[in-house]
């Protein structure tokens, strides 16, 4: 610091170029130089450069602490990003597994639907065959019943045409007797 003050004294040498005696209180250059030297001496006496240096050191320490905090946050952010990347990969794998499982289940469901459809078709065919057989049996029975009716009618007509009134009366009396026997 003393060197600075000494250098500042000689920095005022252009003031020597002014006219008149330099070391006079009437010379403004001399007064300004003396005031400046006193000001610098006062600053040195009050240890202002040390205080400024201390403030700058504090500021540098604060900046260093902020940088360390920023580095720690940066590292934490890197770790968090890696964690999220890992979770993303895991979620993508799970999504792939879910899709594969869904595809397998869909294929199984389609196969089961095919089996169920075949069974349903077989049941419907069986029911249709049963209905056809039932209709066929009903048609055969109806044809037989009709044939019996036609045969009875034909036999009745034949008997009626060949039978006499007395024979008819005997048949009616026999039928009435038979009905009375069954009712009592």
C-alpha atoms as a PDB file:
ATOM      1  CA  UNK A   1       0.000   0.000   0.000  1.00  0.00           C
ATOM      2  CA  UNK A   2       2.831   2.328   0.744  1.00  0.00           C
ATOM      3  CA  UNK A   3       4.143   1.740  -2.738  1.00  0.00           C
ATOM      4  CA  UNK A   4       0.779   2.776  -4.113  1.00  0.00           C
ATOM      5  CA  UNK A   5       0.893   6.043  -2.235  1.00  0.00           C
ATOM      6  CA  UNK A   6       4.466   6.674  -3.417  1.00  0.00           C
ATOM      7  CA  UNK A   7       3.484   5.940  -7.008  1.00  0.00           C
ATOM      8  CA  UNK A   8       0.522   8.281  -6.711  1.00  0.00           C
ATOM      9  CA  UNK A   9       2.794  11.103  -5.594  1.00  0.00           C
ATOM     10  CA  UNK A  10       4.811  10.834  -8.769  1.00  0.00           C
ATOM     11  CA  UNK A  11       1.690  10.397 -10.845  1.00  0.00           C
ATOM     12  CA  UNK A  12       0.968  14.054 -10.150  1.00  0.00           C
ATOM     13  CA  UNK A  13       4.075  15.159 -12.062  1.00  0.00           C
ATOM     14  CA  UNK A  14       2.093  16.761 -14.884  1.00  0.00           C
ATOM     15  CA  UNK A  15       0.998  19.261 -12.261  1.00  0.00           C
ATOM     16  CA  UNK A  16       4.608  20.436 -12.139  1.00  0.00           C
ATOM     17  CA  UNK A  17       4.157  21.810 -15.590  1.00  0.00           C
ATOM     18  CA  UNK A  18       1.925  24.573 -14.232  1.00  0.00           C
ATOM     19  CA  UNK A  19       3.436  27.967 -13.867  1.00  0.00           C
ATOM     20  CA  UNK A  20       4.715  29.358 -10.603  1.00  0.00           C
ATOM     21  CA  UNK A  21       6.196  27.690  -7.567  1.00  0.00           C
ATOM     22  CA  UNK A  22       4.719  24.268  -7.061  1.00  0.00           C
ATOM     23  CA  UNK A  23       5.069  24.107  -3.276  1.00  0.00           C
ATOM     24  CA  UNK A  24       2.822  27.065  -2.639  1.00  0.00           C
ATOM     25  CA  UNK A  25      -0.689  26.955  -1.187  1.00  0.00           C
ATOM     26  CA  UNK A  26      -1.740  29.274  -4.005  1.00  0.00           C
ATOM     27  CA  UNK A  27      -0.914  26.620  -6.545  1.00  0.00           C
ATOM     28  CA  UNK A  28      -4.100  24.513  -6.972  1.00  0.00           C
ATOM     29  CA  UNK A  29      -2.130  21.645  -8.365  1.00  0.00           C
ATOM     30  CA  UNK A  30      -0.103  21.429  -5.176  1.00  0.00           C
ATOM     31  CA  UNK A  31      -3.207  21.671  -2.972  1.00  0.00           C
ATOM     32  CA  UNK A  32      -4.984  18.944  -4.945  1.00  0.00           C
ATOM     33  CA  UNK A  33      -1.889  16.722  -4.747  1.00  0.00           C
ATOM     34  CA  UNK A  34      -1.548  17.220  -0.998  1.00  0.00           C
ATOM     35  CA  UNK A  35      -5.283  16.606  -0.474  1.00  0.00           C
ATOM     36  CA  UNK A  36      -5.099  13.471  -2.536  1.00  0.00           C
ATOM     37  CA  UNK A  37      -2.085  12.201  -0.581  1.00  0.00           C
ATOM     38  CA  UNK A  38      -3.869  12.958   2.701  1.00  0.00           C
ATOM     39  CA  UNK A  39      -6.983  11.205   1.452  1.00  0.00           C
ATOM     40  CA  UNK A  40      -4.971   8.135   0.496  1.00  0.00           C
ATOM     41  CA  UNK A  41      -3.160   8.243   3.851  1.00  0.00           C
ATOM     42  CA  UNK A  42      -6.502   8.493   5.664  1.00  0.00           C
ATOM     43  CA  UNK A  43      -7.796   5.519   3.712  1.00  0.00           C
ATOM     44  CA  UNK A  44      -4.669   3.567   4.641  1.00  0.00           C
ATOM     45  CA  UNK A  45      -4.936   4.622   8.282  1.00  0.00           C
ATOM     46  CA  UNK A  46      -8.565   3.509   8.471  1.00  0.00           C
ATOM     47  CA  UNK A  47      -7.570   0.260   6.778  1.00  0.00           C
ATOM     48  CA  UNK A  48     -10.132   0.735   4.007  1.00  0.00           C
ATOM     49  CA  UNK A  49      -8.175  -1.384   1.516  1.00  0.00           C
ATOM     50  CA  UNK A  50      -8.195  -4.238   4.062  1.00  0.00           C
ATOM     51  CA  UNK A  51     -11.929  -3.821   4.591  1.00  0.00           C
ATOM     52  CA  UNK A  52     -12.497  -3.776   0.838  1.00  0.00           C
ATOM     53  CA  UNK A  53     -10.265  -6.831   0.516  1.00  0.00           C
ATOM     54  CA  UNK A  54     -12.217  -8.521   3.333  1.00  0.00           C
ATOM     55  CA  UNK A  55     -15.509  -7.671   1.641  1.00  0.00           C
ATOM     56  CA  UNK A  56     -14.166  -8.996  -1.635  1.00  0.00           C
ATOM     57  CA  UNK A  57     -12.959 -12.143   0.145  1.00  0.00           C
ATOM     58  CA  UNK A  58     -16.403 -12.570   1.732  1.00  0.00           C
ATOM     59  CA  UNK A  59     -17.996 -12.068  -1.645  1.00  0.00           C
ATOM     60  CA  UNK A  60     -15.576 -14.589  -3.211  1.00  0.00           C
ATOM     61  CA  UNK A  61     -16.362 -17.056  -0.406  1.00  0.00           C
ATOM     62  CA  UNK A  62     -20.101 -16.532  -0.974  1.00  0.00           C
ATOM     63  CA  UNK A  63     -19.648 -17.102  -4.688  1.00  0.00           C
ATOM     64  CA  UNK A  64     -17.558 -20.208  -3.943  1.00  0.00           C
ATOM     65  CA  UNK A  65     -20.316 -21.490  -1.606  1.00  0.00           C
ATOM     66  CA  UNK A  66     -22.940 -20.770  -4.281  1.00  0.00           C
ATOM     67  CA  UNK A  67     -20.845 -22.635  -6.839  1.00  0.00           C
ATOM     68  CA  UNK A  68     -20.493 -25.609  -4.481  1.00  0.00           C
ATOM     69  CA  UNK A  69     -24.254 -25.553  -3.854  1.00  0.00           C
ATOM     70  CA  UNK A  70     -24.851 -25.343  -7.600  1.00  0.00           C
ATOM     71  CA  UNK A  71     -22.502 -28.308  -8.152  1.00  0.00           C
ATOM     72  CA  UNK A  72     -24.357 -30.278  -5.470  1.00  0.00           C
ATOM     73  CA  UNK A  73     -27.698 -29.396  -7.076  1.00  0.00           C
ATOM     74  CA  UNK A  74     -26.268 -30.350 -10.468  1.00  0.00           C
ATOM     75  CA  UNK A  75     -25.173 -33.737  -9.137  1.00  0.00           C
ATOM     76  CA  UNK A  76     -28.545 -34.215  -7.464  1.00  0.00           C
ATOM     77  CA  UNK A  77     -30.296 -33.311 -10.717  1.00  0.00           C
ATOM     78  CA  UNK A  78     -28.106 -35.810 -12.600  1.00  0.00           C
ATOM     79  CA  UNK A  79     -28.985 -38.519 -10.083  1.00  0.00           C
ATOM     80  CA  UNK A  80     -32.678 -37.620 -10.311  1.00  0.00           C
ATOM     81  CA  UNK A  81     -32.533 -37.674 -14.110  1.00  0.00           C
ATOM     82  CA  UNK A  82     -30.859 -41.076 -14.046  1.00  0.00           C
ATOM     83  CA  UNK A  83     -33.540 -42.293 -11.641  1.00  0.00           C
ATOM     84  CA  UNK A  84     -36.285 -41.002 -13.932  1.00  0.00           C
ATOM     85  CA  UNK A  85     -34.607 -42.577 -16.952  1.00  0.00           C
ATOM     86  CA  UNK A  86     -34.463 -45.895 -15.098  1.00  0.00           C
ATOM     87  CA  UNK A  87     -38.129 -45.583 -14.116  1.00  0.00           C
ATOM     88  CA  UNK A  88     -39.013 -44.696 -17.713  1.00  0.00           C
ATOM     89  CA  UNK A  89     -37.242 -47.820 -18.984  1.00  0.00           C
ATOM     90  CA  UNK A  90     -39.002 -49.927 -16.348  1.00  0.00           C
ATOM     91  CA  UNK A  91     -42.384 -48.429 -17.291  1.00  0.00           C
ATOM     92  CA  UNK A  92     -41.709 -49.086 -20.967  1.00  0.00           C
ATOM     93  CA  UNK A  93     -40.827 -52.705 -20.156  1.00  0.00           C
ATOM     94  CA  UNK A  94     -43.990 -53.039 -18.076  1.00  0.00           C
ATOM     95  CA  UNK A  95     -46.041 -51.497 -20.884  1.00  0.00           C
ATOM     96  CA  UNK A  96     -44.509 -53.985 -23.331  1.00  0.00           C
ATOM     97  CA  UNK A  97     -45.324 -56.855 -20.975  1.00  0.00           C
ATOM     98  CA  UNK A  98     -48.882 -55.584 -20.568  1.00  0.00           C
ATOM     99  CA  UNK A  99     -49.290 -55.380 -24.339  1.00  0.00           C
ATOM    100  CA  UNK A 100     -47.895 -58.902 -24.779  1.00  0.00           C
ATOM    101  CA  UNK A 101     -50.169 -60.225 -22.027  1.00  0.00           C
ATOM    102  CA  UNK A 102     -53.163 -58.498 -23.595  1.00  0.00           C
ATOM    103  CA  UNK A 103     -52.288 -59.987 -27.001  1.00  0.00           C
ATOM    104  CA  UNK A 104     -51.986 -63.465 -25.496  1.00  0.00           C
ATOM    105  CA  UNK A 105     -55.259 -63.069 -23.632  1.00  0.00           C
ATOM    106  CA  UNK A 106     -56.955 -61.807 -26.799  1.00  0.00           C
ATOM    107  CA  UNK A 107     -55.648 -64.801 -28.757  1.00  0.00           C
ATOM    108  CA  UNK A 108     -56.811 -67.163 -25.991  1.00  0.00           C
ATOM    109  CA  UNK A 109     -60.208 -65.460 -25.930  1.00  0.00           C
ATOM    110  CA  UNK A 110     -60.450 -65.764 -29.734  1.00  0.00           C
ATOM    111  CA  UNK A 111     -59.591 -69.475 -29.544  1.00  0.00           C
ATOM    112  CA  UNK A 112     -62.143 -69.967 -26.762  1.00  0.00           C
ATOM    113  CA  UNK A 113     -64.725 -68.071 -28.831  1.00  0.00           C
ATOM    114  CA  UNK A 114     -64.025 -70.391 -31.778  1.00  0.00           C
ATOM    115  CA  UNK A 115     -64.480 -73.440 -29.546  1.00  0.00           C
ATOM    116  CA  UNK A 116     -67.661 -71.981 -28.057  1.00  0.00           C
ATOM    117  CA  UNK A 117     -68.961 -71.122 -31.538  1.00  0.00           C
ATOM    118  CA  UNK A 118     -68.307 -74.671 -32.762  1.00  0.00           C
ATOM    119  CA  UNK A 119     -70.094 -76.070 -29.702  1.00  0.00           C
ATOM    120  CA  UNK A 120     -73.015 -73.681 -30.244  1.00  0.00           C
ATOM    121  CA  UNK A 121     -73.252 -74.651 -33.916  1.00  0.00           C
ATOM    122  CA  UNK A 122     -73.173 -78.340 -32.958  1.00  0.00           C
ATOM    123  CA  UNK A 123     -75.958 -77.771 -30.376  1.00  0.00           C
ATOM    124  CA  UNK A 124     -78.059 -75.882 -32.898  1.00  0.00           C
ATOM    125  CA  UNK A 125     -77.507 -78.569 -35.537  1.00  0.00           C
ATOM    126  CA  UNK A 126     -78.501 -81.234 -32.996  1.00  0.00           C
ATOM    127  CA  UNK A 127     -81.595 -79.220 -32.028  1.00  0.00           C
ATOM    128  CA  UNK A 128     -82.488 -78.770 -35.708  1.00  0.00           C
ATOM    129  CA  UNK A 129     -82.001 -82.491 -36.348  1.00  0.00           C
ATOM    130  CA  UNK A 130     -84.171 -83.272 -33.305  1.00  0.00           C
ATOM    131  CA  UNK A 131     -86.866 -80.894 -34.573  1.00  0.00           C
ATOM    132  CA  UNK A 132     -86.681 -82.470 -38.028  1.00  0.00           C
ATOM    133  CA  UNK A 133     -86.943 -85.972 -36.521  1.00  0.00           C
ATOM    134  CA  UNK A 134     -89.863 -84.853 -34.323  1.00  0.00           C
ATOM    135  CA  UNK A 135     -91.600 -83.236 -37.299  1.00  0.00           C
ATOM    136  CA  UNK A 136     -90.964 -86.367 -39.345  1.00  0.00           C
ATOM    137  CA  UNK A 137     -92.399 -88.581 -36.591  1.00  0.00           C
ATOM    138  CA  UNK A 138     -95.408 -86.254 -36.254  1.00  0.00           C
ATOM    139  CA  UNK A 139     -95.931 -86.346 -40.019  1.00  0.00           C
ATOM    140  CA  UNK A 140     -95.681 -90.159 -40.048  1.00  0.00           C
ATOM    141  CA  UNK A 141     -98.150 -90.367 -37.107  1.00  0.00           C
ATOM    142  CA  UNK A 142    -100.505 -87.941 -38.838  1.00  0.00           C
ATOM    143  CA  UNK A 143    -100.302 -89.954 -42.057  1.00  0.00           C
ATOM    144  CA  UNK A 144    -101.004 -93.185 -40.083  1.00  0.00           C
ATOM    145  CA  UNK A 145    -103.894 -91.560 -38.213  1.00  0.00           C
ATOM    146  CA  UNK A 146    -105.310 -90.282 -41.459  1.00  0.00           C
ATOM    147  CA  UNK A 147    -104.824 -93.683 -43.083  1.00  0.00           C
ATOM    148  CA  UNK A 148    -106.625 -95.305 -40.123  1.00  0.00           C
ATOM    149  CA  UNK A 149    -109.459 -92.792 -40.425  1.00  0.00           C
ATOM    150  CA  UNK A 150    -109.709 -93.394 -44.161  1.00  0.00           C
ATOM    151  CA  UNK A 151    -109.594 -97.168 -43.624  1.00  0.00           C
ATOM    152  CA  UNK A 152    -112.249 -96.985 -40.875  1.00  0.00           C
ATOM    153  CA  UNK A 153    -114.405 -94.759 -43.017  1.00  0.00           C
ATOM    154  CA  UNK A 154    -113.946 -97.074 -45.983  1.00  0.00           C
ATOM    155  CA  UNK A 155    -114.663-100.115 -43.799  1.00  0.00           C
ATOM    156  CA  UNK A 156    -117.712 -98.315 -42.362  1.00  0.00           C
ATOM    157  CA  UNK A 157    -118.965 -97.516 -45.829  1.00  0.00           C
ATOM    158  CA  UNK A 158    -118.294-101.078 -46.969  1.00  0.00           C
ATOM    159  CA  UNK A 159    -119.988-102.590 -43.919  1.00  0.00           C
ATOM    160  CA  UNK A 160    -122.879-100.146 -44.173  1.00  0.00           C
ATOM    161  CA  UNK A 161    -123.424-101.006 -47.801  1.00  0.00           C
ATOM    162  CA  UNK A 162    -123.373-104.776 -47.154  1.00  0.00           C
ATOM    163  CA  UNK A 163    -125.163-104.845 -43.797  1.00  0.00           C
ATOM    164  CA  UNK A 164    -128.948-105.050 -43.376  1.00  0.00           C
ATOM    165  CA  UNK A 165    -131.064-102.981 -41.009  1.00  0.00           C
ATOM    166  CA  UNK A 166    -131.571-105.914 -38.623  1.00  0.00           C
ATOM    167  CA  UNK A 167    -127.849-106.534 -38.385  1.00  0.00           C
ATOM    168  CA  UNK A 168    -127.305-102.872 -37.745  1.00  0.00           C
ATOM    169  CA  UNK A 169    -129.783-102.861 -34.920  1.00  0.00           C
ATOM    170  CA  UNK A 170    -128.056-105.845 -33.306  1.00  0.00           C
ATOM    171  CA  UNK A 171    -124.684-104.052 -33.508  1.00  0.00           C
ATOM    172  CA  UNK A 172    -126.140-100.886 -31.942  1.00  0.00           C
ATOM    173  CA  UNK A 173    -127.747-102.909 -29.116  1.00  0.00           C
ATOM    174  CA  UNK A 174    -124.455-104.744 -28.525  1.00  0.00           C
ATOM    175  CA  UNK A 175    -122.552-101.449 -28.397  1.00  0.00           C
ATOM    176  CA  UNK A 176    -125.061 -99.969 -25.930  1.00  0.00           C
ATOM    177  CA  UNK A 177    -124.762-103.014 -23.729  1.00  0.00           C
ATOM    178  CA  UNK A 178    -121.018-102.809 -23.802  1.00  0.00           C
ATOM    179  CA  UNK A 179    -121.085 -99.074 -22.846  1.00  0.00           C
ATOM    180  CA  UNK A 180    -123.512 -99.807 -19.975  1.00  0.00           C
ATOM    181  CA  UNK A 181    -121.248-102.550 -18.680  1.00  0.00           C
ATOM    182  CA  UNK A 182    -118.252-100.274 -18.726  1.00  0.00           C
ATOM    183  CA  UNK A 183    -120.032 -97.343 -17.063  1.00  0.00           C
ATOM    184  CA  UNK A 184    -121.464 -99.353 -14.157  1.00  0.00           C
END
